[in-house]
Amino acid sequence: MPADALLRTYQAKTTVPMSIRLKTNTIRAVKVERPGWIPPHITNNWDTDPFAYQTEEELMPASGLHGQLLTYVTEVVRAPLEKQGLMLLVDTFLLYRDKNQQKQRVAPDLLLMPHQFPAPSAYDLDILPPPRCLVEITSPKSHFKDLKANMPFYVSLGVETYLVIDAITPKKTLRDPIELHLWRKGQEVPPDSAGYFLLPEMKIKIAIQQQRLIFADALTGKVLRDSGQLSEALEKVQQRANAETQRANAEAQRANTAYEDGEQNGEQKGRLAEKQEIARNLLAKGLDTTLVIQTTGLTKDELVALH
């Protein structure tokens, strides 16, 4: 059932009057607009808050794969979007008017808007321009609506770009591979030669590697990472730095050892040469070999080597 028709089933048949006092102290009864999401059985003291009277069908699957994917997408793109003064609203009602000009609501998974803190509780098209980009992650119940009905509906609201991440099978498992579908101004857009879908509104591009979403900076091509991936990359960098330090320390130790060994060998050779010179002089003077050995400390073989 189209979104308009579905939401019109909750349109009210009556309105609740509200009294206001004018400057002339005259009390005039005015009618407060009754949004279409208020069920018809609520006839008094109804609440215009867009989150009031949610039905079970409207509640988002806040856990499981759907919630994990939403969390992952928002985490990866949050910082790059903030640098551009943008943000993604998660599961927030988009308020619009149907063809009868009655106020209705719909809840896209992700809605792109200028950065604002605190984030608004709803995005009202009576006040704000149409969002430039909406993102839906399919779930078993919303698969047909996300891929077929939503595109022309969102285009009618003035949304330029609509991205569907088709990730969850009817058995509530992760699709392998995940599929992406992108529409811009009602026309389906194919990926580029590298398999990336461009989202110029965010300066981001997105691709699929089997069951993994890959986000990259549209200008530099640098792959964007979540906090876990960044921590892992930082840990690997630190491990490589530690290994390089250990190798450098080992090289320095080997060099020091070689230098010390060289010094010791040099001293030993110098002392031997000095003893040999004394021995030559003593032998030249006819001194007895045994006495020369005792005087210089040379061995008999070292003394023989002089001849």
Protein backbone atom coordinates (compact mmCIF):
# COMPACT_ATOMS: atom_id res chain seq x y z
CA MET A 1 0.00 0.00 0.00
CA PRO A 2 1.46 3.44 -0.91
CA ALA A 3 2.68 5.50 2.03
CA ASP A 4 -0.01 8.16 1.55
CA ALA A 5 -2.82 5.60 1.53
CA LEU A 6 -1.39 3.81 4.53
CA LEU A 7 -1.09 6.94 6.59
CA ARG A 8 -4.53 8.23 5.50
CA THR A 9 -6.13 5.28 7.29
CA TYR A 10 -5.32 7.16 10.47
CA GLN A 11 -6.76 10.48 9.39
CA ALA A 12 -9.11 12.03 11.90
CA LYS A 13 -12.76 12.68 11.19
CA THR A 14 -12.97 15.48 13.72
CA THR A 15 -10.81 18.29 14.98
CA VAL A 16 -10.43 19.55 18.52
CA PRO A 17 -11.19 23.24 19.10
CA MET A 18 -8.80 25.41 21.07
CA SER A 19 -9.67 28.77 22.57
CA ILE A 20 -7.38 31.80 22.34
CA ARG A 21 -7.81 35.24 23.86
CA LEU A 22 -7.45 38.21 21.51
CA LYS A 23 -6.18 41.68 22.48
CA THR A 24 -9.79 42.83 22.73
CA ASN A 25 -10.37 40.17 25.40
CA THR A 26 -12.68 38.46 22.94
CA ILE A 27 -12.34 34.67 23.06
CA ARG A 28 -12.35 33.00 19.68
CA ALA A 29 -12.35 29.27 19.11
CA VAL A 30 -9.80 28.09 16.54
CA LYS A 31 -9.13 24.63 15.23
CA VAL A 32 -5.68 23.16 15.71
CA GLU A 33 -4.53 21.10 12.75
CA ARG A 34 -4.90 17.42 13.44
CA PRO A 35 -2.09 15.40 11.81
CA GLY A 36 -2.96 12.29 9.87
CA TRP A 37 -0.99 9.96 12.11
CA ILE A 38 -3.49 10.29 14.99
CA PRO A 39 -5.73 7.19 15.03
CA PRO A 40 -9.43 7.88 14.57
CA HIS A 41 -10.35 6.42 17.97
CA ILE A 42 -8.39 9.22 19.69
CA THR A 43 -11.08 11.92 19.77
CA ASN A 44 -10.04 14.06 22.75
CA ASN A 45 -6.77 15.40 24.12
CA TRP A 46 -4.79 14.07 21.21
CA ASP A 47 -1.07 14.70 20.88
CA THR A 48 0.43 16.36 17.81
CA ASP A 49 3.93 15.13 18.61
CA PRO A 50 5.18 13.20 15.55
CA PHE A 51 6.31 10.31 17.74
CA ALA A 52 2.90 9.89 19.35
CA TYR A 53 0.73 6.89 18.51
CA GLN A 54 3.36 4.80 16.77
CA THR A 55 2.00 1.53 15.51
CA GLU A 56 3.96 -1.70 15.62
CA GLU A 57 4.54 -1.48 11.87
CA GLU A 58 6.11 1.95 12.21
CA LEU A 59 8.56 0.99 14.92
CA MET A 60 12.02 0.51 13.47
CA PRO A 61 13.94 -2.74 14.09
CA ALA A 62 16.38 -1.12 16.48
CA SER A 63 18.39 -4.28 17.03
CA GLY A 64 19.83 -7.06 14.95
CA LEU A 65 21.51 -6.63 11.58
CA HIS A 66 19.47 -3.57 10.65
CA GLY A 67 20.57 -1.67 13.74
CA GLN A 68 24.17 -2.80 13.38
CA LEU A 69 24.32 -1.56 9.79
CA LEU A 70 22.79 1.79 10.74
CA THR A 71 25.34 2.19 13.53
CA TYR A 72 28.21 1.27 11.23
CA VAL A 73 27.21 3.71 8.47
CA THR A 74 26.72 6.64 10.84
CA GLU A 75 29.99 5.93 12.65
CA VAL A 76 32.07 5.79 9.47
CA VAL A 77 30.70 8.97 7.87
CA ARG A 78 30.08 11.09 11.00
CA ALA A 79 33.47 12.86 11.12
CA PRO A 80 33.74 13.57 7.35
CA LEU A 81 30.20 14.98 7.36
CA GLU A 82 30.85 17.17 10.41
CA LYS A 83 33.80 18.75 8.59
CA GLN A 84 31.33 19.75 5.86
CA GLY A 85 28.77 21.05 8.36
CA LEU A 86 26.44 18.09 7.73
CA MET A 87 24.93 15.26 9.75
CA LEU A 88 22.72 12.20 9.37
CA LEU A 89 19.49 11.90 11.33
CA VAL A 90 18.78 8.28 12.29
CA ASP A 91 15.21 6.99 12.30
CA THR A 92 13.71 10.47 12.64
CA PHE A 93 10.27 11.37 11.34
CA LEU A 94 10.12 13.37 8.12
CA LEU A 95 6.92 15.46 8.28
CA TYR A 96 5.23 16.22 4.97
CA ARG A 97 1.82 17.00 3.49
CA ASP A 98 -0.13 14.58 1.38
CA LYS A 99 -2.13 15.50 -1.73
CA ASN A 100 -4.96 16.66 0.55
CA GLN A 101 -2.49 18.91 2.39
CA GLN A 102 -2.90 16.96 5.59
CA LYS A 103 0.26 16.60 7.63
CA GLN A 104 1.74 13.10 7.58
CA ARG A 105 4.93 11.43 8.73
CA VAL A 106 7.41 8.89 7.39
CA ALA A 107 10.63 7.64 8.97
CA PRO A 108 13.57 7.09 6.60
CA ASP A 109 16.52 5.27 8.13
CA LEU A 110 18.99 8.09 7.43
CA LEU A 111 18.32 11.70 6.48
CA LEU A 112 21.04 14.16 5.45
CA MET A 113 20.75 17.69 6.85
CA PRO A 114 22.95 20.60 7.99
CA HIS A 115 24.69 19.90 11.28
CA GLN A 116 22.68 20.91 14.31
CA PHE A 117 23.09 20.33 18.03
CA PRO A 118 21.00 19.09 19.59
CA ALA A 119 19.56 17.14 16.69
CA PRO A 120 15.91 17.93 15.90
CA SER A 121 13.23 15.48 17.00
CA ALA A 122 11.64 15.68 13.52
CA TYR A 123 12.37 17.13 10.09
CA ASP A 124 9.40 19.27 9.06
CA LEU A 125 9.02 20.14 5.36
CA ASP A 126 6.72 23.01 6.33
CA ILE A 127 9.81 24.70 7.76
CA LEU A 128 12.85 23.08 6.16
CA PRO A 129 13.81 22.38 2.52
CA PRO A 130 13.59 18.80 1.24
CA PRO A 131 16.60 16.75 2.39
CA ARG A 132 19.14 16.29 -0.37
CA CYS A 133 19.68 12.62 0.41
CA LEU A 134 17.81 9.79 2.13
CA VAL A 135 19.14 6.30 2.85
CA GLU A 136 17.16 3.16 3.55
CA ILE A 137 18.53 -0.20 4.72
CA THR A 138 16.15 -2.95 3.71
CA SER A 139 14.59 -5.31 6.21
CA PRO A 140 12.36 -8.30 5.36
CA LYS A 141 9.15 -6.33 5.95
CA SER A 142 10.26 -3.20 4.09
CA HIS A 143 12.06 -4.76 1.13
CA PHE A 144 9.45 -4.02 -1.56
CA LYS A 145 8.61 -0.59 -0.17
CA ASP A 146 12.27 0.48 0.04
CA LEU A 147 13.12 -0.68 -3.48
CA LYS A 148 9.92 0.17 -5.33
CA ALA A 149 7.39 2.43 -3.59
CA ASN A 150 9.72 4.80 -1.77
CA MET A 151 11.60 6.15 -4.79
CA PRO A 152 8.69 7.95 -6.52
CA PHE A 153 7.27 8.96 -3.13
CA TYR A 154 10.53 10.60 -2.00
CA VAL A 155 10.95 12.26 -5.40
CA SER A 156 7.48 13.78 -4.98
CA LEU A 157 8.70 15.31 -1.70
CA GLY A 158 11.63 16.96 -3.51
CA VAL A 159 14.37 14.58 -2.36
CA GLU A 160 17.21 14.57 -4.92
CA THR A 161 19.16 11.43 -3.98
CA TYR A 162 17.86 8.14 -2.62
CA LEU A 163 20.19 5.27 -1.69
CA VAL A 164 19.03 1.76 -0.77
CA ILE A 165 21.39 -0.66 0.96
CA ASP A 166 19.79 -4.04 0.24
CA ALA A 167 21.50 -6.05 2.95
CA ILE A 168 19.08 -8.30 4.83
CA THR A 169 17.42 -11.42 3.43
CA PRO A 170 13.89 -12.66 4.27
CA LYS A 171 15.59 -15.11 6.66
CA LYS A 172 17.10 -12.12 8.52
CA THR A 173 20.63 -12.97 7.45
CA LEU A 174 23.17 -10.74 5.76
CA ARG A 175 22.85 -10.80 1.97
CA ASP A 176 25.92 -12.11 0.15
CA PRO A 177 26.77 -9.95 -1.61
CA ILE A 178 25.03 -6.85 -0.31
CA GLU A 179 23.44 -4.83 -3.13
CA LEU A 180 23.31 -1.07 -3.60
CA HIS A 181 20.71 0.92 -5.54
CA LEU A 182 21.02 4.65 -6.12
CA TRP A 183 18.50 7.06 -7.64
CA ARG A 184 19.08 10.72 -8.41
CA LYS A 185 16.06 12.85 -9.35
CA GLY A 186 14.12 9.68 -10.08
CA GLN A 187 16.72 8.11 -12.36
CA GLU A 188 18.67 5.03 -11.28
CA VAL A 189 22.41 5.70 -11.28
CA PRO A 190 24.95 2.92 -12.00
CA PRO A 191 28.30 2.57 -10.21
CA ASP A 192 31.52 3.84 -11.75
CA SER A 193 34.15 1.60 -13.33
CA ALA A 194 35.62 0.84 -9.88
CA GLY A 195 32.23 -0.19 -8.51
CA TYR A 196 31.62 2.95 -6.43
CA PHE A 197 28.32 4.83 -6.18
CA LEU A 198 28.91 8.57 -5.84
CA LEU A 199 27.07 10.62 -3.22
CA PRO A 200 28.13 14.17 -4.13
CA GLU A 201 25.93 15.66 -1.42
CA MET A 202 28.27 14.09 1.15
CA LYS A 203 31.47 14.09 -0.97
CA ILE A 204 31.55 10.35 -0.30
CA LYS A 205 31.40 7.27 -2.49
CA ILE A 206 30.30 3.79 -1.47
CA ALA A 207 31.01 0.31 -2.82
CA ILE A 208 30.48 -3.30 -1.81
CA GLN A 209 32.98 -6.09 -1.19
CA GLN A 210 30.74 -9.12 -0.66
CA GLN A 211 29.21 -8.40 2.76
CA ARG A 212 31.26 -5.31 3.55
CA LEU A 213 30.37 -1.67 2.91
CA ILE A 214 33.33 0.39 1.68
CA PHE A 215 33.17 4.17 2.09
CA ALA A 216 35.75 6.47 0.55
CA ASP A 217 36.42 10.18 0.20
CA ALA A 218 35.07 11.15 -3.22
CA LEU A 219 37.92 13.62 -3.83
CA THR A 220 40.98 11.75 -2.53
CA GLY A 221 39.78 8.15 -2.79
CA LYS A 222 40.95 7.52 0.78
CA VAL A 223 38.96 4.71 2.40
CA LEU A 224 37.05 5.79 5.50
CA ARG A 225 37.30 3.58 8.58
CA ASP A 226 35.26 3.06 11.71
CA SER A 227 36.82 3.44 15.17
CA GLY A 228 37.65 -0.25 15.42
CA GLN A 229 39.42 -0.27 12.07
CA LEU A 230 41.29 2.92 12.98
CA SER A 231 42.42 1.37 16.27
CA GLU A 232 43.55 -1.76 14.47
CA ALA A 233 45.47 0.29 11.87
CA LEU A 234 47.07 2.38 14.63
CA GLU A 235 48.07 -0.77 16.49
CA LYS A 236 49.70 -2.19 13.34
CA VAL A 237 51.61 1.07 12.82
CA GLN A 238 52.80 0.92 16.44
CA GLN A 239 53.83 -2.71 16.03
CA ARG A 240 55.85 -1.85 12.92
CA ALA A 241 57.47 1.07 14.76
CA ASN A 242 58.38 -1.18 17.69
CA ALA A 243 59.86 -3.77 15.33
CA GLU A 244 61.93 -1.10 13.59
CA THR A 245 63.17 0.15 16.95
CA GLN A 246 64.13 -3.36 18.00
CA ARG A 247 66.00 -3.92 14.73
CA ALA A 248 67.81 -0.59 15.09
CA ASN A 249 68.79 -1.41 18.68
CA ALA A 250 70.07 -4.84 17.61
CA GLU A 251 72.16 -3.28 14.83
CA ALA A 252 73.59 -0.74 17.26
CA GLN A 253 74.44 -3.52 19.74
CA ARG A 254 76.19 -5.54 17.04
CA ALA A 255 78.15 -2.48 15.98
CA ASN A 256 79.21 -1.76 19.56
CA THR A 257 80.24 -5.37 20.08
CA ALA A 258 82.29 -5.36 16.89
CA TYR A 259 83.97 -2.12 17.91
CA GLU A 260 84.80 -3.45 21.35
CA ASP A 261 86.11 -6.69 19.87
CA GLY A 262 88.22 -4.68 17.45
CA GLU A 263 89.67 -2.60 20.23
CA GLN A 264 90.52 -5.69 22.26
CA ASN A 265 92.10 -7.39 19.25
CA GLY A 266 94.07 -4.26 18.50
CA GLU A 267 95.37 -4.02 22.03
CA GLN A 268 96.29 -7.69 22.07
CA LYS A 269 98.10 -7.38 18.75
CA GLY A 270 99.90 -4.28 19.97
CA ARG A 271 101.10 -5.95 23.16
CA LEU A 272 102.22 -9.03 21.20
CA ALA A 273 104.15 -6.89 18.76
CA GLU A 274 105.80 -5.07 21.66
CA LYS A 275 106.85 -8.36 23.31
CA GLN A 276 108.13 -9.66 20.01
CA GLU A 277 110.28 -6.57 19.53
CA ILE A 278 111.82 -6.97 22.99
CA ALA A 279 112.44 -10.64 22.32
CA ARG A 280 114.28 -9.84 19.08
CA ASN A 281 116.53 -7.38 20.88
CA LEU A 282 117.31 -9.85 23.66
CA LEU A 283 118.00 -12.68 21.25
CA ALA A 284 120.21 -10.34 19.22
CA LYS A 285 122.26 -9.76 22.34
CA GLY A 286 122.70 -13.53 22.71
CA LEU A 287 120.37 -13.98 25.65
CA ASP A 288 119.25 -17.53 26.36
CA THR A 289 115.94 -18.56 24.81
CA THR A 290 114.51 -19.74 28.12
CA LEU A 291 115.40 -16.47 29.75
CA VAL A 292 113.81 -14.52 26.87
CA ILE A 293 110.59 -16.48 27.27
CA GLN A 294 110.56 -15.75 31.00
CA THR A 295 111.29 -12.07 30.41
CA THR A 296 108.77 -11.36 27.64
CA GLY A 297 106.00 -13.84 28.51
CA LEU A 298 105.95 -15.18 24.97
CA THR A 299 105.33 -18.84 24.35
CA LYS A 300 107.91 -21.03 22.80
CA ASP A 301 105.90 -21.17 19.55
CA GLU A 302 105.55 -17.37 19.48
CA LEU A 303 109.27 -17.09 20.00
CA VAL A 304 110.02 -19.60 17.23
CA ALA A 305 107.78 -17.58 14.91
CA LEU A 306 110.23 -14.70 15.16
CA HIS A 307 112.93 -16.67 13.30
